[in-house]
């Protein structure tokens, strides 16, 4: 199944663009699902139909087109239910009021994990050829697509601690220990969420069938945030395949004296985006005569935006993380477009390479041979971080 995420700064038109992509893909014959991963759901408003009904079930809104607004609690309950019940019991034991305890026991990043679980369920069902995900603004999108990796580390640590406690305390001692202890069913659920579902989600996100598209408007702050998002996505190996320049004045507007300056300014911004994001294609989405609401209007808007291109196709192949060897040393090459040298930090911690750019940090597990190597240097070369490692036998040079 082809998987496309749409992200961008709040208010740039992600929902309309995602829905237009889905409607156009369906019109071209693809069995399509569009999913809202934004807690402030507006997908149904754009489609012009009620999206809901049975929790967790997509709504058929047109031939070959279904839509889903994810309900975090309903989606997570089969996976997090017993874990939540234990946490609620633990919080109540500490004197926290019931309603507050219930809210605290909701899995951190619940909205994001629920959306990913819904996407993974769609992939396993084989009912759809393409899934388009309307994400929340940029920061939430980054949490969404990096959550399987980050959550896996956090849950693994939690599992080790809780198992250690449960092993020390015998079943007989449970009746006299004042703190509630988790039962084996809690560990089973954590195991399933950690080792089965999160692992599958990460595999899905890093697959060749998945890409991210960034929606921008011709505004300085929007473009700057999009450039940072492109760097952060590359850090976690999430490839972008296109940028959508939204809300452009149509060419006819330049003929009007009032819009002449605005049109020239937008063309300058468009040229800047094309140069900054190259080789990514930049799709142009012009302002419509009226609000783009309803499947028919969305499909027409999608057709204008994509032209002859298939909206479900991978529009550009992004370079990926590479491990190699040459001249007596190992090399790790990680594409980091738009990264700044003064905001970049690299370290080797145990068997992982820790890379920080801006306020984003990632620990990259190293292959066995590289895990024993010594970090000897790193540089940013034309948008690619190149890290040099000396084999363990030779040591640092």
Protein backbone atom coordinates (compact mmCIF):
# COMPACT_ATOMS: atom_id res chain seq x y z
CA UNK A 1 0.00 0.00 0.00
CA UNK A 2 1.27 3.46 -0.91
CA UNK A 3 1.40 5.77 2.13
CA UNK A 4 1.61 9.58 1.85
CA UNK A 5 1.80 11.99 4.81
CA UNK A 6 1.00 15.69 4.41
CA UNK A 7 2.63 18.12 6.82
CA UNK A 8 3.30 21.84 7.15
CA UNK A 9 2.77 24.84 9.37
CA UNK A 10 -0.72 25.31 10.77
CA UNK A 11 -3.10 27.06 8.40
CA UNK A 12 -1.30 26.33 5.11
CA UNK A 13 -4.08 24.09 3.79
CA UNK A 14 -2.87 20.56 4.63
CA UNK A 15 -6.36 19.12 5.07
CA UNK A 16 -7.61 20.46 1.74
CA UNK A 17 -4.44 19.31 -0.04
CA UNK A 18 -4.57 15.83 1.52
CA UNK A 19 -8.27 15.43 0.74
CA UNK A 20 -7.74 16.71 -2.82
CA UNK A 21 -4.92 14.21 -3.33
CA UNK A 22 -7.13 11.37 -2.07
CA UNK A 23 -10.15 12.41 -4.16
CA UNK A 24 -8.00 12.76 -7.29
CA UNK A 25 -6.34 9.38 -6.66
CA UNK A 26 -9.77 7.74 -6.29
CA UNK A 27 -10.96 9.41 -9.51
CA UNK A 28 -7.94 7.89 -11.27
CA UNK A 29 -8.95 4.41 -10.13
CA UNK A 30 -6.97 3.90 -6.93
CA UNK A 31 -8.75 2.43 -3.90
CA UNK A 32 -8.01 5.27 -1.50
CA UNK A 33 -8.26 5.95 2.24
CA UNK A 34 -7.73 9.45 3.66
CA UNK A 35 -7.00 9.57 7.40
CA UNK A 36 -7.09 12.59 9.70
CA UNK A 37 -4.29 12.43 12.28
CA UNK A 38 -5.07 15.92 13.57
CA UNK A 39 -6.93 15.89 16.92
CA UNK A 40 -8.86 18.96 15.70
CA UNK A 41 -10.54 16.95 12.94
CA UNK A 42 -11.81 18.96 9.95
CA UNK A 43 -11.60 16.27 7.28
CA UNK A 44 -15.35 15.71 7.28
CA UNK A 45 -15.93 19.45 6.85
CA UNK A 46 -13.70 19.55 3.76
CA UNK A 47 -15.25 16.43 2.26
CA UNK A 48 -18.71 17.81 2.95
CA UNK A 49 -19.90 14.59 4.60
CA UNK A 50 -20.14 13.26 8.13
CA UNK A 51 -17.06 11.14 8.86
CA UNK A 52 -17.62 9.02 11.93
CA UNK A 53 -20.20 6.37 12.54
CA UNK A 54 -18.76 3.25 14.13
CA UNK A 55 -15.52 4.10 15.94
CA UNK A 56 -12.43 3.03 14.03
CA UNK A 57 -14.36 2.25 10.85
CA UNK A 58 -13.68 4.25 7.65
CA UNK A 59 -16.66 5.99 6.05
CA UNK A 60 -17.26 5.42 2.35
CA UNK A 61 -17.67 8.92 0.90
CA UNK A 62 -17.42 8.22 -2.85
CA UNK A 63 -16.57 5.36 -5.21
CA UNK A 64 -13.10 4.01 -4.24
CA UNK A 65 -12.76 6.74 -1.56
CA UNK A 66 -13.05 6.21 2.22
CA UNK A 67 -12.29 8.62 5.07
CA UNK A 68 -11.39 8.12 8.73
CA UNK A 69 -11.10 10.52 11.67
CA UNK A 70 -9.19 8.58 14.32
CA UNK A 71 -10.66 8.19 17.81
CA UNK A 72 -7.57 7.69 19.99
CA UNK A 73 -9.33 6.00 22.92
CA UNK A 74 -11.35 3.58 20.79
CA UNK A 75 -8.34 2.66 18.65
CA UNK A 76 -5.92 2.18 21.54
CA UNK A 77 -8.22 0.35 23.95
CA UNK A 78 -7.43 -3.18 22.67
CA UNK A 79 -3.69 -2.49 23.02
CA UNK A 80 -3.50 -0.16 26.02
CA UNK A 81 -6.62 -1.11 28.00
CA UNK A 82 -5.10 -3.35 30.69
CA UNK A 83 -1.97 -1.20 30.90
CA UNK A 84 -4.18 1.85 31.43
CA UNK A 85 -6.24 0.07 34.10
CA UNK A 86 -3.06 -0.75 36.03
CA UNK A 87 -1.79 2.83 35.76
CA UNK A 88 -5.16 4.19 36.93
CA UNK A 89 -5.00 1.88 39.95
CA UNK A 90 -1.44 3.01 40.66
CA UNK A 91 -2.32 6.72 40.37
CA UNK A 92 -5.39 6.34 42.58
CA UNK A 93 -3.26 4.59 45.17
CA UNK A 94 -1.12 7.74 45.21
CA UNK A 95 -4.24 9.80 46.04
CA UNK A 96 -4.95 11.17 42.54
CA UNK A 97 -8.63 11.73 41.80
CA UNK A 98 -10.26 9.15 39.52
CA UNK A 99 -10.97 11.39 36.51
CA UNK A 100 -7.47 12.89 36.62
CA UNK A 101 -5.92 9.44 37.02
CA UNK A 102 -7.81 8.23 33.95
CA UNK A 103 -6.46 11.12 31.88
CA UNK A 104 -2.90 10.62 33.15
CA UNK A 105 -3.05 6.94 32.25
CA UNK A 106 -3.66 7.69 28.57
CA UNK A 107 -0.60 6.66 26.57
CA UNK A 108 1.72 9.64 25.86
CA UNK A 109 1.41 10.43 22.17
CA UNK A 110 -1.93 8.60 22.12
CA UNK A 111 -3.33 10.58 19.18
CA UNK A 112 -0.23 9.88 17.11
CA UNK A 113 -0.02 6.16 17.94
CA UNK A 114 -3.76 5.73 17.30
CA UNK A 115 -3.37 7.29 13.85
CA UNK A 116 -0.45 5.02 13.02
CA UNK A 117 -2.30 1.95 14.24
CA UNK A 118 -5.23 2.89 12.00
CA UNK A 119 -2.87 3.26 9.04
CA UNK A 120 -1.21 -0.08 9.80
CA UNK A 121 -4.62 -1.73 10.06
CA UNK A 122 -5.50 -0.33 6.62
CA UNK A 123 -2.26 -1.72 5.20
CA UNK A 124 -2.93 -5.18 6.67
CA UNK A 125 -6.51 -5.19 5.35
CA UNK A 126 -5.29 -4.89 1.72
CA UNK A 127 -8.48 -3.00 0.96
CA UNK A 128 -6.67 0.11 -0.26
CA UNK A 129 -4.02 0.94 -2.84
CA UNK A 130 -3.10 4.27 -1.27
CA UNK A 131 -3.53 5.91 2.14
CA UNK A 132 -3.23 9.69 2.47
CA UNK A 133 -2.67 11.01 6.01
CA UNK A 134 -3.65 14.57 6.95
CA UNK A 135 -1.27 15.38 9.79
CA UNK A 136 -1.43 17.99 12.53
CA UNK A 137 0.98 20.97 12.25
CA UNK A 138 4.68 20.28 11.75
CA UNK A 139 5.75 19.58 15.34
CA UNK A 140 2.97 17.02 15.83
CA UNK A 141 3.79 15.42 12.49
CA UNK A 142 7.38 14.87 13.60
CA UNK A 143 6.10 13.25 16.80
CA UNK A 144 3.76 11.11 14.71
CA UNK A 145 6.34 9.73 12.27
CA UNK A 146 9.16 9.32 14.84
CA UNK A 147 6.96 7.85 17.57
CA UNK A 148 7.58 4.13 16.84
CA UNK A 149 11.33 4.61 17.35
CA UNK A 150 11.08 6.91 20.40
CA UNK A 151 8.23 5.00 22.07
CA UNK A 152 10.01 1.69 21.61
CA UNK A 153 12.98 2.91 23.65
CA UNK A 154 10.74 4.36 26.39
CA UNK A 155 8.53 1.28 26.69
CA UNK A 156 11.53 -1.03 26.66
CA UNK A 157 12.96 0.83 29.67
CA UNK A 158 9.59 0.76 31.46
CA UNK A 159 9.26 -2.94 30.80
CA UNK A 160 12.69 -3.73 32.25
CA UNK A 161 12.03 -1.73 35.42
CA UNK A 162 8.58 -3.16 36.02
CA UNK A 163 9.70 -6.72 35.36
CA UNK A 164 12.57 -6.31 37.78
CA UNK A 165 10.15 -5.15 40.48
CA UNK A 166 7.65 -7.91 39.76
CA UNK A 167 10.39 -10.57 39.84
CA UNK A 168 11.70 -9.46 43.23
CA UNK A 169 8.25 -9.41 44.82
CA UNK A 170 6.76 -12.88 45.11
CA UNK A 171 3.02 -13.54 44.65
CA UNK A 172 2.70 -14.02 48.42
CA UNK A 173 4.30 -10.66 49.12
CA UNK A 174 1.87 -8.87 46.77
CA UNK A 175 -0.80 -8.89 49.46
CA UNK A 176 1.39 -6.96 51.90
CA UNK A 177 3.20 -4.60 49.52
CA UNK A 178 1.38 -1.24 49.65
CA UNK A 179 1.97 -0.33 45.97
CA UNK A 180 -0.13 -2.09 43.29
CA UNK A 181 2.01 -4.35 41.10
CA UNK A 182 1.34 -5.22 37.45
CA UNK A 183 0.11 -8.68 36.59
CA UNK A 184 1.42 -10.87 33.75
CA UNK A 185 -1.33 -9.65 31.40
CA UNK A 186 0.09 -6.12 31.61
CA UNK A 187 3.50 -7.38 30.51
CA UNK A 188 1.92 -9.32 27.66
CA UNK A 189 0.17 -6.17 26.38
CA UNK A 190 3.35 -4.09 26.62
CA UNK A 191 5.25 -6.85 24.82
CA UNK A 192 2.68 -6.90 22.05
CA UNK A 193 2.63 -3.11 21.66
CA UNK A 194 6.41 -2.85 21.85
CA UNK A 195 7.72 -5.79 19.89
CA UNK A 196 4.90 -6.41 17.47
CA UNK A 197 2.92 -3.30 16.61
CA UNK A 198 5.58 -0.59 17.06
CA UNK A 199 8.13 -2.65 15.14
CA UNK A 200 5.68 -3.10 12.28
CA UNK A 201 4.83 0.60 12.33
CA UNK A 202 8.49 1.57 12.07
CA UNK A 203 9.01 -0.89 9.23
CA UNK A 204 5.99 0.62 7.45
CA UNK A 205 7.22 4.20 7.89
CA UNK A 206 10.73 3.45 6.60
CA UNK A 207 9.52 1.42 3.62
CA UNK A 208 9.93 2.54 0.03
CA UNK A 209 6.14 2.89 -0.29
CA UNK A 210 6.04 5.72 2.29
CA UNK A 211 6.85 9.38 1.75
CA UNK A 212 6.09 12.81 3.19
CA UNK A 213 4.90 15.88 1.27
CA UNK A 214 5.35 19.35 2.73
CA UNK A 215 2.69 22.00 2.13
CA UNK A 216 3.88 25.61 2.09
CA UNK A 217 2.52 29.02 1.21
CA UNK A 218 4.60 31.91 -0.17
CA UNK A 219 5.37 33.35 3.29
CA UNK A 220 8.78 33.68 4.93
CA UNK A 221 7.90 32.00 8.26
CA UNK A 222 6.12 29.13 6.54
CA UNK A 223 9.06 28.42 4.23
CA UNK A 224 11.60 28.60 7.07
CA UNK A 225 9.61 26.08 9.13
CA UNK A 226 9.29 23.81 6.10
CA UNK A 227 13.08 23.83 5.63
CA UNK A 228 13.59 22.83 9.28
CA UNK A 229 10.96 20.10 8.95
CA UNK A 230 12.74 18.72 5.88
CA UNK A 231 15.97 18.43 7.90
CA UNK A 232 14.22 16.78 10.86
CA UNK A 233 12.43 14.26 8.65
CA UNK A 234 15.72 13.35 6.96
CA UNK A 235 17.32 12.80 10.38
CA UNK A 236 14.79 10.02 11.00
CA UNK A 237 15.12 8.68 7.42
CA UNK A 238 11.63 9.75 6.39
CA UNK A 239 11.90 10.69 2.74
CA UNK A 240 10.06 13.63 1.20
CA UNK A 241 8.97 13.24 -2.41
CA UNK A 242 7.36 16.63 -3.12
CA UNK A 243 6.57 20.13 -1.90
CA UNK A 244 3.15 21.71 -2.56
CA UNK A 245 3.19 25.48 -2.95
CA UNK A 246 -0.36 26.36 -1.96
CA UNK A 247 -2.56 29.44 -2.40
CA UNK A 248 -0.76 30.98 -5.34
CA UNK A 249 -2.50 33.75 -7.27
CA UNK A 250 -3.55 32.53 -10.73
CA UNK A 251 -1.54 33.99 -13.66
CA UNK A 252 -4.45 36.25 -14.62
CA UNK A 253 -4.10 38.12 -11.32
CA UNK A 254 -0.78 39.63 -12.45
CA UNK A 255 -2.68 41.65 -15.06
CA UNK A 256 -4.51 43.54 -12.31
CA UNK A 257 -2.59 46.55 -10.97
CA UNK A 258 -3.45 45.74 -7.33
CA UNK A 259 -2.12 42.17 -7.57
CA UNK A 260 0.91 42.88 -9.76
CA UNK A 261 3.29 43.35 -6.81
CA UNK A 262 1.85 40.38 -4.93
CA UNK A 263 2.21 38.12 -7.97
CA UNK A 264 5.83 39.15 -8.50
CA UNK A 265 6.57 38.54 -4.81
CA UNK A 266 4.96 35.08 -4.98
CA UNK A 267 7.02 34.17 -8.05
CA UNK A 268 10.18 35.12 -6.14
CA UNK A 269 9.15 32.93 -3.22
CA UNK A 270 8.30 30.08 -5.60
CA UNK A 271 11.73 30.29 -7.23
CA UNK A 272 13.33 30.26 -3.77
CA UNK A 273 11.40 27.13 -2.73
CA UNK A 274 12.27 25.34 -5.98
CA UNK A 275 15.97 26.10 -5.48
CA UNK A 276 16.01 25.27 -1.75
CA UNK A 277 14.18 21.97 -2.00
CA UNK A 278 15.74 20.72 -5.25
CA UNK A 279 15.61 17.99 -6.49
CA UNK A 280 12.11 17.66 -4.97
CA UNK A 281 9.35 18.64 -7.41
CA UNK A 282 7.31 21.69 -6.36
CA UNK A 283 3.63 21.35 -7.20
CA UNK A 284 1.66 24.57 -7.70
CA UNK A 285 -1.79 24.87 -6.15
CA UNK A 286 -3.56 28.09 -7.13
CA UNK A 287 -6.28 29.83 -5.18
CA UNK A 288 -9.71 28.61 -6.26
CA UNK A 289 -12.67 30.84 -7.13
CA UNK A 290 -14.55 29.51 -4.10
CA UNK A 291 -14.00 27.24 -1.10
CA UNK A 292 -12.90 23.75 -2.13
CA UNK A 293 -15.51 21.61 -0.37
CA UNK A 294 -16.94 18.30 -1.49
CA UNK A 295 -15.43 15.30 -3.24
CA UNK A 296 -16.04 16.60 -6.77
CA UNK A 297 -14.43 20.00 -6.08
CA UNK A 298 -11.52 18.33 -4.27
CA UNK A 299 -10.88 15.93 -7.16
CA UNK A 300 -10.82 18.86 -9.60
CA UNK A 301 -8.42 20.77 -7.32
CA UNK A 302 -6.18 17.71 -7.12
CA UNK A 303 -6.18 17.34 -10.90
CA UNK A 304 -5.07 20.97 -11.32
CA UNK A 305 -2.34 20.56 -8.71
CA UNK A 306 -0.84 17.31 -10.03
CA UNK A 307 -1.36 17.83 -13.74
CA UNK A 308 -0.29 14.67 -15.56
CA UNK A 309 1.43 13.19 -12.49
CA UNK A 310 -0.19 10.32 -10.61
CA UNK A 311 -0.94 11.58 -7.05
CA UNK A 312 -0.30 8.08 -5.70
CA UNK A 313 3.14 7.76 -7.33
CA UNK A 314 6.48 8.42 -5.62
CA UNK A 315 7.37 11.73 -7.24
CA UNK A 316 11.03 11.74 -6.19
CA UNK A 317 13.40 9.19 -4.63
CA UNK A 318 15.06 10.60 -1.49
CA UNK A 319 18.62 9.48 -0.57
CA UNK A 320 18.85 7.27 2.50
CA UNK A 321 21.27 6.44 5.31
CA UNK A 322 24.32 4.54 4.05
CA UNK A 323 27.02 2.49 5.74
CA UNK A 324 30.26 1.88 3.86
CA UNK A 325 33.98 1.23 4.08
CA UNK A 326 36.95 2.78 2.33
CA UNK A 327 40.64 3.58 2.89
CA UNK A 328 40.89 1.64 6.14
CA UNK A 329 37.87 3.19 7.85
CA UNK A 330 34.09 2.94 8.02
CA UNK A 331 31.79 5.71 6.81
CA UNK A 332 28.24 6.60 7.76
CA UNK A 333 26.47 8.97 5.38
CA UNK A 334 23.18 10.56 6.48
CA UNK A 335 21.43 13.11 4.21
CA UNK A 336 20.57 16.23 6.24
CA UNK A 337 19.34 18.90 3.80
CA UNK A 338 19.45 22.50 5.09
CA UNK A 339 21.30 21.44 8.29
CA UNK A 340 23.62 24.07 9.81
CA UNK A 341 27.08 23.14 11.05
CA UNK A 342 26.69 25.27 14.19
CA UNK A 343 23.50 23.38 15.13
CA UNK A 344 24.91 19.91 14.49
CA UNK A 345 26.44 17.56 17.06
CA UNK A 346 27.67 13.98 16.61
CA UNK A 347 28.75 11.47 19.27
CA UNK A 348 29.14 7.70 19.59
CA UNK A 349 27.48 6.22 22.66
CA UNK A 350 27.90 2.46 23.15
CA UNK A 351 26.67 0.83 19.93
CA UNK A 352 24.80 3.85 18.57
CA UNK A 353 25.67 7.01 16.71
CA UNK A 354 23.89 9.96 18.35
CA UNK A 355 23.13 12.84 15.99
CA UNK A 356 21.59 16.12 17.09
CA UNK A 357 20.45 18.87 14.76
CA UNK A 358 18.73 21.87 16.31
CA UNK A 359 16.41 20.52 19.00
CA UNK A 360 16.04 17.07 17.39
CA UNK A 361 18.16 14.13 18.52
CA UNK A 362 18.37 10.58 17.23
CA UNK A 363 20.33 7.51 18.28
CA UNK A 364 21.15 5.46 15.17
CA UNK A 365 21.93 1.79 15.93
CA UNK A 366 25.18 0.76 14.24
CA UNK A 367 25.88 -2.58 12.52
CA UNK A 368 27.93 -5.00 14.61
CA UNK A 369 31.31 -4.17 13.04
CA UNK A 370 30.75 -0.42 13.25
CA UNK A 371 29.49 -0.67 16.83
CA UNK A 372 33.00 -1.58 18.00
CA UNK A 373 34.66 1.18 15.94
CA UNK A 374 35.95 4.53 17.22
CA UNK A 375 34.57 7.88 16.09
CA UNK A 376 37.37 9.85 14.41
CA UNK A 377 35.60 12.66 12.57
CA UNK A 378 32.41 14.09 11.10
CA UNK A 379 31.64 16.80 8.55
CA UNK A 380 28.68 18.26 6.71
CA UNK A 381 29.28 17.94 2.98
CA UNK A 382 26.72 19.40 0.56
CA UNK A 383 23.75 18.53 2.76
CA UNK A 384 25.06 15.11 3.81
CA UNK A 385 26.54 14.28 7.20
CA UNK A 386 29.64 12.13 6.68
CA UNK A 387 30.89 10.33 9.81
CA UNK A 388 34.25 8.49 9.87
CA UNK A 389 34.86 5.53 12.19
CA UNK A 390 38.14 3.70 12.74
CA UNK A 391 37.99 -0.12 13.07
CA UNK A 392 38.48 -1.31 16.64
CA UNK A 393 41.81 -3.05 15.84
CA UNK A 394 43.47 0.15 14.52
CA UNK A 395 42.01 2.58 17.08
CA UNK A 396 41.67 6.30 16.55
CA UNK A 397 43.96 8.11 14.13
